[in-house]
């Protein structure tokens, strides 16, 4: 008999978001200082727009 509530949910965007959040938590827990914006950007893999 098929169980209508036995479904696998997989959302690639959500999984990526959880991975990024986990990486930030780990990095923050490994330092006694606040993470700089540059460090956060590096962990998230983003670049800031250049001025000009």
PDB file of N, CA and C in Angstrom:
ATOM      1  N   UNK A   1       0.839  -1.176   0.000  1.00  0.00           N
ATOM      2  CA  UNK A   1       0.000   0.000   0.000  1.00  0.00           C
ATOM      3  C   UNK A   1       0.895   1.255   0.000  1.00  0.00           C
ATOM      4  N   UNK A   2       0.576   2.202  -0.833  1.00  0.00           N
ATOM      5  CA  UNK A   2       1.349   3.439  -0.946  1.00  0.00           C
ATOM      6  C   UNK A   2       0.959   4.414   0.166  1.00  0.00           C
ATOM      7  N   UNK A   3       1.966   4.944   0.847  1.00  0.00           N
ATOM      8  CA  UNK A   3       1.718   5.926   1.900  1.00  0.00           C
ATOM      9  C   UNK A   3       1.811   7.316   1.277  1.00  0.00           C
ATOM     10  N   UNK A   4       0.718   8.038   1.230  1.00  0.00           N
ATOM     11  CA  UNK A   4       0.689   9.353   0.596  1.00  0.00           C
ATOM     12  C   UNK A   4       1.550  10.386   1.323  1.00  0.00           C
ATOM     13  N   UNK A   5       1.920  10.109   2.569  1.00  0.00           N
ATOM     14  CA  UNK A   5       2.736  11.036   3.335  1.00  0.00           C
ATOM     15  C   UNK A   5       4.222  10.685   3.289  1.00  0.00           C
ATOM     16  N   UNK A   6       4.572   9.616   2.623  1.00  0.00           N
ATOM     17  CA  UNK A   6       5.971   9.197   2.495  1.00  0.00           C
ATOM     18  C   UNK A   6       6.541   9.802   1.214  1.00  0.00           C
ATOM     19  N   UNK A   7       6.971  11.058   1.325  1.00  0.00           N
ATOM     20  CA  UNK A   7       7.511  11.761   0.164  1.00  0.00           C
ATOM     21  C   UNK A   7       8.885  12.327   0.513  1.00  0.00           C
ATOM     22  N   UNK A   8       9.713  12.418  -0.487  1.00  0.00           N
ATOM     23  CA  UNK A   8      11.025  13.026  -0.309  1.00  0.00           C
ATOM     24  C   UNK A   8      10.970  14.434  -0.877  1.00  0.00           C
ATOM     25  N   UNK A   9      11.320  15.391  -0.055  1.00  0.00           N
ATOM     26  CA  UNK A   9      11.358  16.774  -0.496  1.00  0.00           C
ATOM     27  C   UNK A   9      12.808  17.195  -0.633  1.00  0.00           C
ATOM     28  N   UNK A  10      13.147  17.742  -1.771  1.00  0.00           N
ATOM     29  CA  UNK A  10      14.510  18.222  -1.968  1.00  0.00           C
ATOM     30  C   UNK A  10      14.450  19.527  -2.734  1.00  0.00           C
ATOM     31  N   UNK A  11      14.920  20.547  -2.108  1.00  0.00           N
ATOM     32  CA  UNK A  11      14.938  21.882  -2.687  1.00  0.00           C
ATOM     33  C   UNK A  11      16.396  22.309  -2.751  1.00  0.00           C
ATOM     34  N   UNK A  12      16.957  22.348  -3.942  1.00  0.00           N
ATOM     35  CA  UNK A  12      18.388  22.648  -4.102  1.00  0.00           C
ATOM     36  C   UNK A  12      18.741  24.028  -3.569  1.00  0.00           C
ATOM     37  N   UNK A  13      17.870  25.016  -3.760  1.00  0.00           N
ATOM     38  CA  UNK A  13      18.147  26.354  -3.240  1.00  0.00           C
ATOM     39  C   UNK A  13      18.192  26.352  -1.716  1.00  0.00           C
ATOM     40  N   UNK A  14      17.257  25.645  -1.106  1.00  0.00           N
ATOM     41  CA  UNK A  14      17.236  25.565   0.351  1.00  0.00           C
ATOM     42  C   UNK A  14      18.467  24.836   0.876  1.00  0.00           C
ATOM     43  N   UNK A  15      18.849  23.750   0.235  1.00  0.00           N
ATOM     44  CA  UNK A  15      20.045  23.020   0.660  1.00  0.00           C
ATOM     45  C   UNK A  15      21.286  23.902   0.579  1.00  0.00           C
ATOM     46  N   UNK A  16      21.401  24.698  -0.483  1.00  0.00           N
ATOM     47  CA  UNK A  16      22.548  25.605  -0.643  1.00  0.00           C
ATOM     48  C   UNK A  16      22.536  26.675   0.448  1.00  0.00           C
ATOM     49  N   UNK A  17      21.349  27.194   0.757  1.00  0.00           N
ATOM     50  CA  UNK A  17      21.234  28.203   1.806  1.00  0.00           C
ATOM     51  C   UNK A  17      21.653  27.633   3.161  1.00  0.00           C
ATOM     52  N   UNK A  18      21.244  26.416   3.445  1.00  0.00           N
ATOM     53  CA  UNK A  18      21.626  25.769   4.703  1.00  0.00           C
ATOM     54  C   UNK A  18      23.140  25.566   4.740  1.00  0.00           C
ATOM     55  N   UNK A  19      23.726  25.176   3.621  1.00  0.00           N
ATOM     56  CA  UNK A  19      25.174  24.985   3.569  1.00  0.00           C
ATOM     57  C   UNK A  19      25.910  26.298   3.824  1.00  0.00           C
ATOM     58  N   UNK A  20      25.471  27.389   3.216  1.00  0.00           N
ATOM     59  CA  UNK A  20      26.108  28.690   3.424  1.00  0.00           C
ATOM     60  C   UNK A  20      25.977  29.140   4.878  1.00  0.00           C
ATOM     61  N   UNK A  21      24.783  28.962   5.443  1.00  0.00           N
ATOM     62  CA  UNK A  21      24.566  29.338   6.841  1.00  0.00           C
ATOM     63  C   UNK A  21      25.447  28.513   7.768  1.00  0.00           C
ATOM     64  N   UNK A  22      25.555  27.227   7.493  1.00  0.00           N
ATOM     65  CA  UNK A  22      26.409  26.354   8.291  1.00  0.00           C
ATOM     66  C   UNK A  22      27.861  26.801   8.215  1.00  0.00           C
ATOM     67  N   UNK A  23      28.319  27.147   7.032  1.00  0.00           N
ATOM     68  CA  UNK A  23      29.695  27.624   6.870  1.00  0.00           C
ATOM     69  C   UNK A  23      29.944  28.893   7.676  1.00  0.00           C
ATOM     70  N   UNK A  24      28.976  29.803   7.695  1.00  0.00           N
ATOM     71  CA  UNK A  24      29.112  31.022   8.500  1.00  0.00           C
ATOM     72  C   UNK A  24      29.159  30.703   9.990  1.00  0.00           C
ATOM     73  N   UNK A  25      28.304  29.795  10.437  1.00  0.00           N
ATOM     74  CA  UNK A  25      28.278  29.417  11.856  1.00  0.00           C
ATOM     75  C   UNK A  25      29.609  28.807  12.264  1.00  0.00           C
ATOM     76  N   UNK A  26      30.134  27.926  11.436  1.00  0.00           N
ATOM     77  CA  UNK A  26      31.418  27.285  11.749  1.00  0.00           C
ATOM     78  C   UNK A  26      32.527  28.325  11.810  1.00  0.00           C
ATOM     79  N   UNK A  27      32.586  29.205  10.829  1.00  0.00           N
ATOM     80  CA  UNK A  27      33.631  30.233  10.814  1.00  0.00           C
ATOM     81  C   UNK A  27      33.520  31.140  12.034  1.00  0.00           C
ATOM     82  N   UNK A  28      32.302  31.528  12.394  1.00  0.00           N
ATOM     83  CA  UNK A  28      32.113  32.407  13.550  1.00  0.00           C
ATOM     84  C   UNK A  28      32.488  31.706  14.844  1.00  0.00           C
ATOM     85  N   UNK A  29      32.264  30.409  14.922  1.00  0.00           N
ATOM     86  CA  UNK A  29      32.577  29.684  16.150  1.00  0.00           C
ATOM     87  C   UNK A  29      34.069  29.431  16.316  1.00  0.00           C
ATOM     88  N   UNK A  30      34.818  29.576  15.226  1.00  0.00           N
ATOM     89  CA  UNK A  30      36.252  29.309  15.271  1.00  0.00           C
ATOM     90  C   UNK A  30      37.098  30.548  15.557  1.00  0.00           C
ATOM     91  N   UNK A  31      36.454  31.676  15.825  1.00  0.00           N
ATOM     92  CA  UNK A  31      37.199  32.902  16.103  1.00  0.00           C
ATOM     93  C   UNK A  31      36.621  33.598  17.322  1.00  0.00           C
ATOM     94  N   UNK A  32      37.478  34.335  17.996  1.00  0.00           N
ATOM     95  CA  UNK A  32      37.023  35.119  19.145  1.00  0.00           C
ATOM     96  C   UNK A  32      36.588  36.516  18.717  1.00  0.00           C
ATOM     97  N   UNK A  33      36.904  36.893  17.497  1.00  0.00           N
ATOM     98  CA  UNK A  33      36.582  38.214  16.965  1.00  0.00           C
ATOM     99  C   UNK A  33      35.326  38.135  16.089  1.00  0.00           C
ATOM    100  N   UNK A  34      34.811  39.292  15.751  1.00  0.00           N
ATOM    101  CA  UNK A  34      33.715  39.351  14.789  1.00  0.00           C
ATOM    102  C   UNK A  34      34.284  39.099  13.397  1.00  0.00           C
ATOM    103  N   UNK A  35      33.518  38.449  12.557  1.00  0.00           N
ATOM    104  CA  UNK A  35      33.943  38.281  11.173  1.00  0.00           C
ATOM    105  C   UNK A  35      33.795  39.618  10.451  1.00  0.00           C
ATOM    106  N   UNK A  36      34.787  39.956   9.658  1.00  0.00           N
ATOM    107  CA  UNK A  36      34.690  41.184   8.871  1.00  0.00           C
ATOM    108  C   UNK A  36      33.752  40.936   7.689  1.00  0.00           C
ATOM    109  N   UNK A  37      33.296  42.015   7.090  1.00  0.00           N
ATOM    110  CA  UNK A  37      32.440  41.876   5.910  1.00  0.00           C
ATOM    111  C   UNK A  37      33.177  41.163   4.782  1.00  0.00           C
ATOM    112  N   UNK A  38      34.468  41.412   4.647  1.00  0.00           N
ATOM    113  CA  UNK A  38      35.250  40.723   3.622  1.00  0.00           C
ATOM    114  C   UNK A  38      35.326  39.222   3.891  1.00  0.00           C
ATOM    115  N   UNK A  39      35.487  38.848   5.164  1.00  0.00           N
ATOM    116  CA  UNK A  39      35.520  37.425   5.512  1.00  0.00           C
ATOM    117  C   UNK A  39      34.173  36.762   5.226  1.00  0.00           C
ATOM    118  N   UNK A  40      33.104  37.446   5.571  1.00  0.00           N
ATOM    119  CA  UNK A  40      31.767  36.910   5.318  1.00  0.00           C
ATOM    120  C   UNK A  40      31.542  36.742   3.820  1.00  0.00           C
ATOM    121  N   UNK A  41      31.924  37.759   3.049  1.00  0.00           N
ATOM    122  CA  UNK A  41      31.784  37.673   1.594  1.00  0.00           C
ATOM    123  C   UNK A  41      32.562  36.492   1.035  1.00  0.00           C
ATOM    124  N   UNK A  42      33.770  36.278   1.547  1.00  0.00           N
ATOM    125  CA  UNK A  42      34.593  35.164   1.070  1.00  0.00           C
ATOM    126  C   UNK A  42      33.931  33.819   1.395  1.00  0.00           C
ATOM    127  N   UNK A  43      33.379  33.692   2.592  1.00  0.00           N
ATOM    128  CA  UNK A  43      32.709  32.452   2.990  1.00  0.00           C
ATOM    129  C   UNK A  43      31.491  32.195   2.105  1.00  0.00           C
ATOM    130  N   UNK A  44      30.765  33.267   1.787  1.00  0.00           N
ATOM    131  CA  UNK A  44      29.565  33.137   0.969  1.00  0.00           C
ATOM    132  C   UNK A  44      29.878  33.052  -0.524  1.00  0.00           C
ATOM    133  N   UNK A  45      31.127  33.372  -0.875  1.00  0.00           N
ATOM    134  CA  UNK A  45      31.521  33.298  -2.282  1.00  0.00           C
ATOM    135  C   UNK A  45      30.967  34.444  -3.120  1.00  0.00           C
ATOM    136  N   UNK A  46      30.844  35.596  -2.495  1.00  0.00           N
ATOM    137  CA  UNK A  46      30.357  36.765  -3.231  1.00  0.00           C
ATOM    138  C   UNK A  46      31.428  37.831  -3.295  1.00  0.00           C
ATOM    139  N   UNK A  47      31.309  38.685  -4.259  1.00  0.00           N
ATOM    140  CA  UNK A  47      32.249  39.802  -4.415  1.00  0.00           C
ATOM    141  C   UNK A  47      31.461  41.102  -4.325  1.00  0.00           C
ATOM    142  N   UNK A  48      32.078  42.070  -3.728  1.00  0.00           N
ATOM    143  CA  UNK A  48      31.438  43.387  -3.643  1.00  0.00           C
ATOM    144  C   UNK A  48      31.634  44.122  -4.955  1.00  0.00           C
ATOM    145  N   UNK A  49      30.663  44.934  -5.305  1.00  0.00           N
ATOM    146  CA  UNK A  49      30.840  45.732  -6.525  1.00  0.00           C
ATOM    147  C   UNK A  49      31.990  46.718  -6.351  1.00  0.00           C
ATOM    148  N   UNK A  50      32.761  46.883  -7.401  1.00  0.00           N
ATOM    149  CA  UNK A  50      33.877  47.828  -7.307  1.00  0.00           C
ATOM    150  C   UNK A  50      33.358  49.251  -7.425  1.00  0.00           C
ATOM    151  N   UNK A  51      34.043  50.140  -6.733  1.00  0.00           N
ATOM    152  CA  UNK A  51      33.647  51.554  -6.757  1.00  0.00           C
ATOM    153  C   UNK A  51      34.073  52.156  -8.100  1.00  0.00           C
ATOM    154  N   UNK A  52      33.168  52.932  -8.658  1.00  0.00           N
ATOM    155  CA  UNK A  52      33.528  53.663  -9.874  1.00  0.00           C
ATOM    156  C   UNK A  52      33.022  53.085 -11.058  1.00  0.00           C
TER     157      UNK A  52
END
